[in-house]
Amino acid sequence: MIEESMQLQGIHHLKFTVSDLENSQSFYERAIGARRITAYDHRHSDGSLYAIILEIPGLGTLLELRLNPSRAKKDCGLDPITIAVKDRTALESWIEHFDTVDIEHSSILTALISWLVVFEDPDGRRLRLCTLETHSPEILSDETSSWLIETLTDK
């Protein structure tokens, strides 16, 4: 039995492995307005940087980018996070933003009960923006879209 004193307090932070810290930081800044918190930089005893922490407006938690090229390669095609947006109008605005900052993305796709847009980070990890607005169950999802099919590697 979980006691009251053991109650979970939410997500502390998310962690993505990346092949290049600088490139990934730049991507997340352009794509979703991330801001690096340099006070939280992770460094080895020799001073070399191995992880950074990003604050992302509206995400509700921090994102750690940890340098690990071999692990990042294995996560190519993975879609580890789906971020909520209000409605289709918000998705249209995100598409305009992605086009402006040159981020490759899907069109607005029909998901099981809502709509979404998918985009990839520099390591091929797919992130989804999904509407809180729903549609009727008669509308069929775009399940054959290449943006919705995971392409994980076994390497």
C-alpha atoms as a PDB file:
ATOM      1  CA  MET A   1       0.000   0.000   0.000  1.00  0.00           C
ATOM      2  CA  ILE A   2       1.248   3.470  -0.887  1.00  0.00           C
ATOM      3  CA  GLU A   3       1.285   5.701   2.156  1.00  0.00           C
ATOM      4  CA  GLU A   4       0.444   9.398   1.979  1.00  0.00           C
ATOM      5  CA  SER A   5       4.060  10.319   2.743  1.00  0.00           C
ATOM      6  CA  MET A   6       5.074   8.348  -0.371  1.00  0.00           C
ATOM      7  CA  GLN A   7       2.753  10.210  -2.737  1.00  0.00           C
ATOM      8  CA  LEU A   8       4.356  10.958  -6.100  1.00  0.00           C
ATOM      9  CA  GLN A   9       4.901  14.637  -6.833  1.00  0.00           C
ATOM     10  CA  GLY A  10       4.934  14.632 -10.626  1.00  0.00           C
ATOM     11  CA  ILE A  11       7.720  14.305 -13.183  1.00  0.00           C
ATOM     12  CA  HIS A  12      11.035  15.819 -12.077  1.00  0.00           C
ATOM     13  CA  HIS A  13      12.538  15.920 -15.583  1.00  0.00           C
ATOM     14  CA  LEU A  14      12.724  14.070 -18.875  1.00  0.00           C
ATOM     15  CA  LYS A  15      15.993  12.819 -20.352  1.00  0.00           C
ATOM     16  CA  PHE A  16      16.954  12.347 -24.006  1.00  0.00           C
ATOM     17  CA  THR A  17      20.295  10.997 -25.139  1.00  0.00           C
ATOM     18  CA  VAL A  18      21.818  13.013 -27.972  1.00  0.00           C
ATOM     19  CA  SER A  19      24.760  12.709 -30.326  1.00  0.00           C
ATOM     20  CA  ASP A  20      25.672  16.417 -30.216  1.00  0.00           C
ATOM     21  CA  LEU A  21      24.789  18.696 -27.287  1.00  0.00           C
ATOM     22  CA  GLU A  22      25.251  22.002 -29.126  1.00  0.00           C
ATOM     23  CA  ASN A  23      23.245  20.935 -32.175  1.00  0.00           C
ATOM     24  CA  SER A  24      20.438  19.498 -30.041  1.00  0.00           C
ATOM     25  CA  GLN A  25      20.282  22.577 -27.826  1.00  0.00           C
ATOM     26  CA  SER A  26      20.025  24.806 -30.887  1.00  0.00           C
ATOM     27  CA  PHE A  27      17.277  22.607 -32.331  1.00  0.00           C
ATOM     28  CA  TYR A  28      15.143  22.658 -29.174  1.00  0.00           C
ATOM     29  CA  GLU A  29      15.615  26.424 -28.859  1.00  0.00           C
ATOM     30  CA  ARG A  30      14.395  26.977 -32.436  1.00  0.00           C
ATOM     31  CA  ALA A  31      11.713  24.299 -32.444  1.00  0.00           C
ATOM     32  CA  ILE A  32       9.948  24.820 -29.115  1.00  0.00           C
ATOM     33  CA  GLY A  33      11.507  27.837 -27.412  1.00  0.00           C
ATOM     34  CA  ALA A  34      13.748  25.941 -24.982  1.00  0.00           C
ATOM     35  CA  ARG A  35      16.124  27.859 -22.733  1.00  0.00           C
ATOM     36  CA  ARG A  36      19.281  26.335 -21.272  1.00  0.00           C
ATOM     37  CA  ILE A  37      19.744  26.578 -17.514  1.00  0.00           C
ATOM     38  CA  THR A  38      23.542  26.772 -17.344  1.00  0.00           C
ATOM     39  CA  ALA A  39      23.525  26.507 -13.539  1.00  0.00           C
ATOM     40  CA  TYR A  40      22.348  22.899 -14.024  1.00  0.00           C
ATOM     41  CA  ASP A  41      25.057  21.893 -16.524  1.00  0.00           C
ATOM     42  CA  HIS A  42      26.431  18.409 -15.822  1.00  0.00           C
ATOM     43  CA  ARG A  43      30.213  18.187 -16.024  1.00  0.00           C
ATOM     44  CA  HIS A  44      32.767  15.444 -15.505  1.00  0.00           C
ATOM     45  CA  SER A  45      35.523  15.990 -12.932  1.00  0.00           C
ATOM     46  CA  ASP A  46      37.779  17.215 -15.770  1.00  0.00           C
ATOM     47  CA  GLY A  47      35.242  19.974 -16.545  1.00  0.00           C
ATOM     48  CA  SER A  48      33.944  18.492 -19.790  1.00  0.00           C
ATOM     49  CA  LEU A  49      30.239  18.929 -20.400  1.00  0.00           C
ATOM     50  CA  TYR A  50      28.126  15.773 -20.698  1.00  0.00           C
ATOM     51  CA  ALA A  51      24.549  17.023 -20.152  1.00  0.00           C
ATOM     52  CA  ILE A  52      22.511  20.194 -20.173  1.00  0.00           C
ATOM     53  CA  ILE A  53      19.102  21.044 -18.766  1.00  0.00           C
ATOM     54  CA  LEU A  54      16.500  22.917 -20.778  1.00  0.00           C
ATOM     55  CA  GLU A  55      13.396  24.717 -19.621  1.00  0.00           C
ATOM     56  CA  ILE A  56      10.608  24.592 -22.196  1.00  0.00           C
ATOM     57  CA  PRO A  57       7.654  26.982 -21.913  1.00  0.00           C
ATOM     58  CA  GLY A  58       4.436  25.101 -21.145  1.00  0.00           C
ATOM     59  CA  LEU A  59       6.045  21.660 -20.825  1.00  0.00           C
ATOM     60  CA  GLY A  60       5.673  21.513 -17.064  1.00  0.00           C
ATOM     61  CA  THR A  61       9.003  19.807 -16.472  1.00  0.00           C
ATOM     62  CA  LEU A  62      12.643  20.183 -17.450  1.00  0.00           C
ATOM     63  CA  LEU A  63      14.367  18.332 -20.295  1.00  0.00           C
ATOM     64  CA  GLU A  64      17.859  16.927 -19.868  1.00  0.00           C
ATOM     65  CA  LEU A  65      19.937  16.395 -23.003  1.00  0.00           C
ATOM     66  CA  ARG A  66      22.651  13.845 -22.193  1.00  0.00           C
ATOM     67  CA  LEU A  67      25.549  13.204 -24.552  1.00  0.00           C
ATOM     68  CA  ASN A  68      25.549   9.537 -25.547  1.00  0.00           C
ATOM     69  CA  PRO A  69      25.838   9.125 -29.340  1.00  0.00           C
ATOM     70  CA  SER A  70      25.496   5.332 -29.410  1.00  0.00           C
ATOM     71  CA  ARG A  71      22.333   5.374 -27.276  1.00  0.00           C
ATOM     72  CA  ALA A  72      20.894   8.294 -29.258  1.00  0.00           C
ATOM     73  CA  LYS A  73      21.355   6.305 -32.469  1.00  0.00           C
ATOM     74  CA  LYS A  74      19.300   3.455 -31.004  1.00  0.00           C
ATOM     75  CA  ASP A  75      16.470   5.864 -30.177  1.00  0.00           C
ATOM     76  CA  CYS A  76      16.137   7.027 -33.795  1.00  0.00           C
ATOM     77  CA  GLY A  77      12.467   6.713 -34.746  1.00  0.00           C
ATOM     78  CA  LEU A  78      11.272   6.538 -31.143  1.00  0.00           C
ATOM     79  CA  ASP A  79       8.412   8.860 -30.188  1.00  0.00           C
ATOM     80  CA  PRO A  80       8.912   9.207 -26.418  1.00  0.00           C
ATOM     81  CA  ILE A  81       6.752  12.237 -25.740  1.00  0.00           C
ATOM     82  CA  THR A  82       3.463  13.689 -26.897  1.00  0.00           C
ATOM     83  CA  ILE A  83       2.892  17.318 -25.933  1.00  0.00           C
ATOM     84  CA  ALA A  84      -0.633  18.702 -25.604  1.00  0.00           C
ATOM     85  CA  VAL A  85      -1.840  21.745 -27.522  1.00  0.00           C
ATOM     86  CA  LYS A  86      -5.310  23.260 -27.406  1.00  0.00           C
ATOM     87  CA  ASP A  87      -6.744  22.594 -30.868  1.00  0.00           C
ATOM     88  CA  ARG A  88      -6.227  22.361 -34.633  1.00  0.00           C
ATOM     89  CA  THR A  89      -5.733  26.124 -34.828  1.00  0.00           C
ATOM     90  CA  ALA A  90      -2.759  25.745 -32.486  1.00  0.00           C
ATOM     91  CA  LEU A  91      -1.362  22.988 -34.724  1.00  0.00           C
ATOM     92  CA  GLU A  92      -1.687  25.265 -37.748  1.00  0.00           C
ATOM     93  CA  SER A  93       0.296  27.929 -35.883  1.00  0.00           C
ATOM     94  CA  TRP A  94       2.971  25.360 -34.978  1.00  0.00           C
ATOM     95  CA  ILE A  95       3.254  24.330 -38.636  1.00  0.00           C
ATOM     96  CA  GLU A  96       3.786  27.979 -39.599  1.00  0.00           C
ATOM     97  CA  HIS A  97       6.432  28.287 -36.871  1.00  0.00           C
ATOM     98  CA  PHE A  98       8.229  25.087 -37.956  1.00  0.00           C
ATOM     99  CA  ASP A  99       8.231  26.313 -41.560  1.00  0.00           C
ATOM    100  CA  THR A 100       9.690  29.655 -40.441  1.00  0.00           C
ATOM    101  CA  VAL A 101      12.534  28.050 -38.449  1.00  0.00           C
ATOM    102  CA  ASP A 102      13.119  25.279 -41.028  1.00  0.00           C
ATOM    103  CA  ILE A 103      12.024  22.291 -38.921  1.00  0.00           C
ATOM    104  CA  GLU A 104      10.780  19.295 -40.918  1.00  0.00           C
ATOM    105  CA  HIS A 105       7.326  18.154 -39.799  1.00  0.00           C
ATOM    106  CA  SER A 106       4.236  16.238 -40.778  1.00  0.00           C
ATOM    107  CA  SER A 107       1.019  17.789 -41.941  1.00  0.00           C
ATOM    108  CA  ILE A 108      -1.862  17.745 -39.469  1.00  0.00           C
ATOM    109  CA  LEU A 109      -2.571  14.056 -38.970  1.00  0.00           C
ATOM    110  CA  THR A 110      -5.692  12.388 -37.648  1.00  0.00           C
ATOM    111  CA  ALA A 111      -4.935  10.428 -34.484  1.00  0.00           C
ATOM    112  CA  LEU A 112      -7.249   7.998 -32.731  1.00  0.00           C
ATOM    113  CA  ILE A 113      -9.338  10.687 -31.003  1.00  0.00           C
ATOM    114  CA  SER A 114      -7.577  13.957 -31.856  1.00  0.00           C
ATOM    115  CA  TRP A 115      -5.168  15.590 -34.307  1.00  0.00           C
ATOM    116  CA  LEU A 116      -1.405  15.852 -34.202  1.00  0.00           C
ATOM    117  CA  VAL A 117       1.748  17.114 -35.866  1.00  0.00           C
ATOM    118  CA  VAL A 118       5.010  15.173 -35.678  1.00  0.00           C
ATOM    119  CA  PHE A 119       8.538  16.570 -35.969  1.00  0.00           C
ATOM    120  CA  GLU A 120      12.003  15.059 -35.527  1.00  0.00           C
ATOM    121  CA  ASP A 121      14.968  16.209 -33.494  1.00  0.00           C
ATOM    122  CA  PRO A 122      18.533  15.978 -34.891  1.00  0.00           C
ATOM    123  CA  ASP A 123      18.858  12.352 -33.705  1.00  0.00           C
ATOM    124  CA  GLY A 124      15.634  11.265 -35.431  1.00  0.00           C
ATOM    125  CA  ARG A 125      13.592  11.136 -32.223  1.00  0.00           C
ATOM    126  CA  ARG A 126       9.986  12.015 -33.033  1.00  0.00           C
ATOM    127  CA  LEU A 127       8.037  14.463 -30.925  1.00  0.00           C
ATOM    128  CA  ARG A 128       4.305  14.885 -31.232  1.00  0.00           C
ATOM    129  CA  LEU A 129       2.049  17.854 -30.671  1.00  0.00           C
ATOM    130  CA  CYS A 130      -1.439  16.500 -29.998  1.00  0.00           C
ATOM    131  CA  THR A 131      -4.684  18.428 -29.600  1.00  0.00           C
ATOM    132  CA  LEU A 132      -6.807  18.338 -26.474  1.00  0.00           C
ATOM    133  CA  GLU A 133      -9.662  18.982 -28.902  1.00  0.00           C
ATOM    134  CA  THR A 134     -11.119  15.631 -29.978  1.00  0.00           C
ATOM    135  CA  HIS A 135     -13.005  14.383 -33.014  1.00  0.00           C
ATOM    136  CA  SER A 136     -15.727  11.802 -33.389  1.00  0.00           C
ATOM    137  CA  PRO A 137     -14.756   8.122 -33.448  1.00  0.00           C
ATOM    138  CA  GLU A 138     -16.082   7.771 -37.022  1.00  0.00           C
ATOM    139  CA  ILE A 139     -13.082   9.720 -38.314  1.00  0.00           C
ATOM    140  CA  LEU A 140     -10.381   7.215 -39.216  1.00  0.00           C
ATOM    141  CA  SER A 141      -6.817   7.773 -38.069  1.00  0.00           C
ATOM    142  CA  ASP A 142      -3.862   8.222 -40.426  1.00  0.00           C
ATOM    143  CA  GLU A 143      -2.305   4.977 -39.142  1.00  0.00           C
ATOM    144  CA  THR A 144      -0.333   4.359 -42.334  1.00  0.00           C
ATOM    145  CA  SER A 145       1.434   7.726 -42.279  1.00  0.00           C
ATOM    146  CA  SER A 146       5.207   7.312 -42.207  1.00  0.00           C
ATOM    147  CA  TRP A 147       5.231   9.927 -39.434  1.00  0.00           C
ATOM    148  CA  LEU A 148       3.250   7.578 -37.179  1.00  0.00           C
ATOM    149  CA  ILE A 149       5.188   4.381 -37.779  1.00  0.00           C
ATOM    150  CA  GLU A 150       8.109   3.825 -35.431  1.00  0.00           C
ATOM    151  CA  THR A 151      11.361   2.991 -37.194  1.00  0.00           C
ATOM    152  CA  LEU A 152      13.486   1.870 -34.271  1.00  0.00           C
ATOM    153  CA  THR A 153      16.861   0.377 -34.987  1.00  0.00           C
ATOM    154  CA  ASP A 154      18.252  -2.687 -33.240  1.00  0.00           C
ATOM    155  CA  LYS A 155      21.831  -1.502 -33.555  1.00  0.00           C
END
